[in-house]
Amino acid sequence: MTFSPNPHITATATVTEPGTVLLDQRRGRYFQLNTTGGLILRTLLGNGSPEQAATMLTERYGTTLQQARGDVTRLLNALTAARLVTT
């Protein structure tokens, strides 16, 4: 399964703190992801799988794979519900 941003979404790195900001140009709304959310999103948009994103979280932050999988799933569900990404 591949993920891509909707055509009206622009992603950028924030200047003031680490993370990622998504701009929904159609609705004029900003969405801010923390460093972890940005890592998950970049992995998925780079053709990585949710499992690969979870593995990256465990390696970088020392969390359990079960917790990381849950984090990835929750973020993906939220991004999809907000129509920021498509699968």
Protein backbone atom coordinates (compact mmCIF):
# COMPACT_ATOMS: atom_id res chain seq x y z
CA MET A 1 0.00 0.00 0.00
CA THR A 2 1.35 3.39 -0.95
CA PHE A 3 0.51 6.73 0.61
CA SER A 4 0.53 10.14 -0.98
CA PRO A 5 -0.50 13.61 0.07
CA ASN A 6 -3.69 14.90 -1.49
CA PRO A 7 -2.85 17.28 -4.35
CA HIS A 8 -3.95 20.32 -2.32
CA ILE A 9 -1.62 19.51 0.60
CA THR A 10 1.82 21.06 1.01
CA ALA A 11 4.30 19.81 3.63
CA THR A 12 7.19 21.82 4.99
CA ALA A 13 9.63 21.75 7.91
CA THR A 14 8.87 24.33 10.57
CA VAL A 15 11.43 26.95 11.44
CA THR A 16 10.63 27.40 15.12
CA GLU A 17 10.64 23.78 16.26
CA PRO A 18 11.25 20.35 14.82
CA GLY A 19 8.32 18.75 13.12
CA THR A 20 6.29 19.05 9.99
CA VAL A 21 3.55 21.46 9.04
CA LEU A 22 0.92 20.46 6.49
CA LEU A 23 -1.02 23.17 4.69
CA ASP A 24 -4.40 22.30 3.25
CA GLN A 25 -4.53 24.93 0.53
CA ARG A 26 -8.14 24.24 -0.34
CA ARG A 27 -9.45 24.83 3.19
CA GLY A 28 -6.74 27.25 4.33
CA ARG A 29 -5.88 25.12 7.39
CA TYR A 30 -2.54 24.18 8.91
CA PHE A 31 -1.80 20.89 10.65
CA GLN A 32 1.33 20.51 12.74
CA LEU A 33 3.00 17.17 13.37
CA ASN A 34 5.62 16.71 16.06
CA THR A 35 8.99 15.13 15.26
CA THR A 36 7.61 11.61 15.63
CA GLY A 37 4.60 12.32 13.42
CA GLY A 38 6.88 13.88 10.81
CA LEU A 39 9.11 10.80 10.84
CA ILE A 40 6.10 8.53 10.34
CA LEU A 41 4.74 10.69 7.53
CA ARG A 42 8.07 10.93 5.71
CA THR A 43 8.50 7.17 5.93
CA LEU A 44 5.04 6.50 4.51
CA LEU A 45 5.36 9.10 1.75
CA GLY A 46 8.78 7.66 0.86
CA ASN A 47 7.07 4.37 -0.05
CA GLY A 48 7.72 2.88 3.37
CA SER A 49 5.12 0.66 4.97
CA PRO A 50 3.41 1.25 8.30
CA GLU A 51 5.50 -1.65 9.65
CA GLN A 52 8.71 0.07 8.52
CA ALA A 53 7.59 3.29 10.17
CA ALA A 54 6.89 1.41 13.41
CA THR A 55 10.30 -0.26 13.26
CA MET A 56 11.96 3.15 12.81
CA LEU A 57 10.16 4.42 15.92
CA THR A 58 11.36 1.47 17.99
CA GLU A 59 14.95 1.97 16.83
CA ARG A 60 14.98 5.73 17.34
CA TYR A 61 12.94 6.05 20.55
CA GLY A 62 13.24 2.64 22.21
CA THR A 63 9.50 2.09 22.34
CA THR A 64 7.93 -1.34 21.99
CA LEU A 65 6.89 -2.49 18.54
CA GLN A 66 3.29 -2.83 19.75
CA GLN A 67 3.23 0.80 20.94
CA ALA A 68 4.89 2.01 17.74
CA ARG A 69 2.38 0.15 15.57
CA GLY A 70 -0.45 1.77 17.50
CA ASP A 71 1.11 5.22 17.08
CA VAL A 72 1.49 4.72 13.33
CA THR A 73 -2.07 3.46 12.98
CA ARG A 74 -3.53 6.36 14.97
CA LEU A 75 -1.62 8.95 12.97
CA LEU A 76 -2.49 7.35 9.65
CA ASN A 77 -6.17 7.19 10.62
CA ALA A 78 -6.11 10.86 11.67
CA LEU A 79 -4.35 11.97 8.46
CA THR A 80 -6.77 9.97 6.33
CA ALA A 81 -9.83 11.25 8.21
CA ALA A 82 -8.61 14.84 7.74
CA ARG A 83 -8.14 14.07 4.02
CA LEU A 84 -4.46 14.97 4.17
CA VAL A 85 -3.24 11.68 2.67
CA THR A 86 -4.70 9.02 0.46
CA THR A 87 -3.89 5.35 0.24
